[in-house]
Amino acid sequence: MRLSGKAAPGTVSSVLFTPTLQPAAWQTLAHTTADQVGNVIALDASASKTKSRFYRLALGAFPLLGGLQIQRQSNGNI
């Protein structure tokens, strides 16, 4: 699973995941820093081993949410 989002260049963020929203138990997948054009990218190699996952992007010190895009990988996996 490749996750990408946008933030101000240099913004430190965390990509979080939970297997369910009832109740959500957010866990950190990765810590990232937006590149010089604001791209935030994280890979979730274990996503295919679970029935479902929900993601959120926490920007900076506060859990502000940004949009994530889920993209199909070159091998066809999502």
N, C-alpha and C. Protein backbone atom coordinates (compact mmCIF):
# COMPACT_ATOMS: atom_id res chain seq x y z
N MET A 1 0.86 -1.16 0.00
CA MET A 1 0.00 0.00 0.00
C MET A 1 0.90 1.22 0.00
N ARG A 2 0.70 2.11 -0.94
CA ARG A 2 1.42 3.38 -0.99
C ARG A 2 0.44 4.47 -0.66
N LEU A 3 0.77 5.25 0.36
CA LEU A 3 -0.08 6.36 0.79
C LEU A 3 0.64 7.66 0.50
N SER A 4 -0.06 8.62 -0.04
CA SER A 4 0.57 9.91 -0.29
C SER A 4 -0.39 11.03 0.10
N GLY A 5 0.19 12.12 0.54
CA GLY A 5 -0.58 13.28 0.95
C GLY A 5 0.23 14.54 0.70
N LYS A 6 -0.34 15.67 1.05
CA LYS A 6 0.33 16.95 0.86
C LYS A 6 0.37 17.70 2.18
N ALA A 7 1.47 18.41 2.40
CA ALA A 7 1.64 19.26 3.57
C ALA A 7 2.63 20.35 3.18
N ALA A 8 2.79 21.33 4.03
CA ALA A 8 3.78 22.37 3.76
C ALA A 8 5.17 21.73 3.74
N PRO A 9 6.04 22.15 2.82
CA PRO A 9 7.39 21.58 2.76
C PRO A 9 8.06 21.60 4.14
N GLY A 10 8.70 20.48 4.49
CA GLY A 10 9.40 20.37 5.77
C GLY A 10 8.53 20.00 6.96
N THR A 11 7.21 19.87 6.76
CA THR A 11 6.32 19.52 7.85
C THR A 11 6.56 18.08 8.29
N VAL A 12 6.76 17.90 9.59
CA VAL A 12 6.91 16.56 10.15
C VAL A 12 5.50 16.04 10.42
N SER A 13 5.24 14.80 10.05
CA SER A 13 3.91 14.23 10.24
C SER A 13 4.01 12.76 10.60
N SER A 14 2.89 12.21 11.03
CA SER A 14 2.80 10.79 11.34
C SER A 14 1.65 10.21 10.54
N VAL A 15 1.85 9.04 9.96
CA VAL A 15 0.79 8.31 9.30
C VAL A 15 0.32 7.26 10.30
N LEU A 16 -0.98 7.29 10.62
CA LEU A 16 -1.56 6.39 11.61
C LEU A 16 -2.53 5.44 10.93
N PHE A 17 -2.74 4.27 11.54
CA PHE A 17 -3.71 3.32 10.99
C PHE A 17 -4.47 2.65 12.13
N THR A 18 -5.65 2.13 11.79
CA THR A 18 -6.44 1.32 12.71
C THR A 18 -7.19 0.28 11.88
N PRO A 19 -7.37 -0.91 12.40
CA PRO A 19 -8.10 -1.93 11.64
C PRO A 19 -9.61 -1.73 11.68
N THR A 20 -10.10 -0.95 12.61
CA THR A 20 -11.54 -0.72 12.74
C THR A 20 -11.79 0.69 13.29
N LEU A 21 -12.95 1.21 13.00
CA LEU A 21 -13.34 2.52 13.55
C LEU A 21 -14.30 2.37 14.72
N GLN A 22 -14.60 1.14 15.11
CA GLN A 22 -15.59 0.87 16.16
C GLN A 22 -15.01 0.08 17.31
N PRO A 23 -14.25 0.54 18.22
CA PRO A 23 -13.67 1.88 18.32
C PRO A 23 -12.32 1.92 17.61
N ALA A 24 -11.91 3.10 17.25
CA ALA A 24 -10.62 3.28 16.59
C ALA A 24 -9.50 3.12 17.62
N ALA A 25 -8.47 2.41 17.23
CA ALA A 25 -7.27 2.24 18.07
C ALA A 25 -6.07 2.61 17.20
N TRP A 26 -5.82 3.92 17.06
CA TRP A 26 -4.81 4.41 16.13
C TRP A 26 -3.41 3.98 16.56
N GLN A 27 -2.64 3.50 15.58
CA GLN A 27 -1.25 3.09 15.78
C GLN A 27 -0.40 3.80 14.74
N THR A 28 0.84 4.09 15.08
CA THR A 28 1.74 4.78 14.15
C THR A 28 2.29 3.79 13.13
N LEU A 29 2.12 4.14 11.86
CA LEU A 29 2.70 3.36 10.77
C LEU A 29 4.08 3.91 10.43
N ALA A 30 4.19 5.25 10.33
CA ALA A 30 5.46 5.87 9.95
C ALA A 30 5.48 7.33 10.34
N HIS A 31 6.67 7.85 10.55
CA HIS A 31 6.89 9.28 10.73
C HIS A 31 7.56 9.76 9.44
N THR A 32 7.08 10.86 8.91
CA THR A 32 7.61 11.36 7.64
C THR A 32 7.84 12.87 7.72
N THR A 33 8.60 13.36 6.77
CA THR A 33 8.81 14.80 6.60
C THR A 33 8.47 15.13 5.16
N ALA A 34 7.61 16.12 4.96
CA ALA A 34 7.23 16.51 3.60
C ALA A 34 8.46 17.02 2.85
N ASP A 35 8.59 16.59 1.60
CA ASP A 35 9.74 17.02 0.80
C ASP A 35 9.61 18.48 0.39
N GLN A 36 10.52 18.96 -0.46
CA GLN A 36 10.57 20.38 -0.81
C GLN A 36 9.36 20.88 -1.58
N VAL A 37 8.56 19.98 -2.14
CA VAL A 37 7.32 20.41 -2.82
C VAL A 37 6.08 20.00 -2.04
N GLY A 38 6.26 19.45 -0.82
CA GLY A 38 5.14 19.14 0.05
C GLY A 38 4.59 17.74 -0.02
N ASN A 39 5.28 16.83 -0.70
CA ASN A 39 4.81 15.45 -0.79
C ASN A 39 5.12 14.68 0.49
N VAL A 40 4.13 13.95 0.99
CA VAL A 40 4.29 13.05 2.13
C VAL A 40 3.96 11.65 1.60
N ILE A 41 4.90 10.72 1.74
CA ILE A 41 4.71 9.37 1.22
C ILE A 41 5.06 8.35 2.31
N ALA A 42 4.21 7.34 2.43
CA ALA A 42 4.46 6.24 3.37
C ALA A 42 4.04 4.94 2.71
N LEU A 43 4.72 3.87 3.04
CA LEU A 43 4.39 2.54 2.52
C LEU A 43 3.92 1.67 3.67
N ASP A 44 2.87 0.89 3.42
CA ASP A 44 2.37 -0.05 4.41
C ASP A 44 2.50 -1.45 3.82
N ALA A 45 3.64 -2.10 4.12
CA ALA A 45 3.93 -3.42 3.57
C ALA A 45 3.02 -4.50 4.14
N SER A 46 2.44 -4.27 5.31
CA SER A 46 1.61 -5.32 5.94
C SER A 46 0.11 -5.13 5.69
N ALA A 47 -0.27 -4.18 4.86
CA ALA A 47 -1.69 -3.92 4.62
C ALA A 47 -2.42 -5.12 4.03
N SER A 48 -1.75 -5.89 3.20
CA SER A 48 -2.42 -7.04 2.56
C SER A 48 -2.69 -8.19 3.53
N LYS A 49 -2.12 -8.12 4.72
CA LYS A 49 -2.29 -9.19 5.70
C LYS A 49 -3.48 -8.95 6.63
N THR A 50 -4.20 -7.87 6.41
CA THR A 50 -5.35 -7.55 7.25
C THR A 50 -6.61 -7.42 6.41
N LYS A 51 -7.75 -7.62 7.04
CA LYS A 51 -9.03 -7.52 6.33
C LYS A 51 -9.32 -6.08 5.90
N SER A 52 -9.04 -5.13 6.80
CA SER A 52 -9.26 -3.72 6.46
C SER A 52 -8.34 -2.84 7.29
N ARG A 53 -8.08 -1.66 6.79
CA ARG A 53 -7.29 -0.65 7.50
C ARG A 53 -7.84 0.71 7.15
N PHE A 54 -7.83 1.59 8.13
CA PHE A 54 -8.19 2.99 7.95
C PHE A 54 -6.95 3.80 8.29
N TYR A 55 -6.74 4.90 7.57
CA TYR A 55 -5.53 5.70 7.74
C TYR A 55 -5.89 7.15 8.03
N ARG A 56 -4.96 7.83 8.71
CA ARG A 56 -5.06 9.27 8.87
C ARG A 56 -3.66 9.84 8.93
N LEU A 57 -3.55 11.11 8.59
CA LEU A 57 -2.27 11.81 8.57
C LEU A 57 -2.32 12.87 9.65
N ALA A 58 -1.45 12.78 10.63
CA ALA A 58 -1.37 13.77 11.71
C ALA A 58 -0.20 14.70 11.38
N LEU A 59 -0.52 15.98 11.15
CA LEU A 59 0.49 16.95 10.76
C LEU A 59 0.98 17.73 11.98
N GLY A 60 2.28 17.87 12.13
CA GLY A 60 2.85 18.65 13.21
C GLY A 60 2.57 18.03 14.57
N ALA A 61 2.52 18.87 15.59
CA ALA A 61 2.34 18.41 16.97
C ALA A 61 0.89 18.09 17.29
N PHE A 62 -0.04 18.52 16.48
CA PHE A 62 -1.45 18.31 16.74
C PHE A 62 -2.02 17.33 15.72
N PRO A 63 -3.03 16.56 16.07
CA PRO A 63 -3.60 15.58 15.13
C PRO A 63 -4.52 16.22 14.09
N LEU A 64 -3.97 17.12 13.30
CA LEU A 64 -4.72 17.72 12.20
C LEU A 64 -4.74 16.71 11.06
N LEU A 65 -5.87 16.53 10.45
CA LEU A 65 -5.98 15.50 9.42
C LEU A 65 -5.83 16.08 8.04
N GLY A 66 -5.06 15.42 7.21
CA GLY A 66 -4.91 15.78 5.82
C GLY A 66 -5.40 14.64 4.96
N GLY A 67 -5.68 14.91 3.70
CA GLY A 67 -6.17 13.86 2.82
C GLY A 67 -5.06 12.92 2.38
N LEU A 68 -5.37 11.66 2.28
CA LEU A 68 -4.44 10.65 1.78
C LEU A 68 -4.99 10.08 0.49
N GLN A 69 -4.10 9.75 -0.42
CA GLN A 69 -4.50 9.09 -1.65
C GLN A 69 -3.95 7.67 -1.63
N ILE A 70 -4.77 6.71 -1.98
CA ILE A 70 -4.35 5.32 -2.05
C ILE A 70 -4.16 4.99 -3.52
N GLN A 71 -2.98 4.46 -3.85
CA GLN A 71 -2.67 4.19 -5.24
C GLN A 71 -2.31 2.73 -5.44
N ARG A 72 -2.71 2.21 -6.59
CA ARG A 72 -2.35 0.83 -6.98
C ARG A 72 -0.85 0.78 -7.29
N GLN A 73 -0.17 -0.22 -6.79
CA GLN A 73 1.25 -0.40 -7.05
C GLN A 73 1.44 -1.02 -8.42
N SER A 74 2.66 -0.99 -8.92
CA SER A 74 2.94 -1.51 -10.26
C SER A 74 2.62 -3.00 -10.41
N ASN A 75 2.64 -3.74 -9.29
CA ASN A 75 2.31 -5.17 -9.36
C ASN A 75 0.81 -5.43 -9.25
N GLY A 76 0.01 -4.37 -9.19
CA GLY A 76 -1.44 -4.52 -9.14
C GLY A 76 -2.04 -4.47 -7.76
N ASN A 77 -1.22 -4.57 -6.71
CA ASN A 77 -1.73 -4.50 -5.34
C ASN A 77 -2.20 -3.09 -4.99
N ILE A 78 -3.17 -3.03 -4.10
CA ILE A 78 -3.64 -1.73 -3.62
C ILE A 78 -3.21 -1.60 -2.18
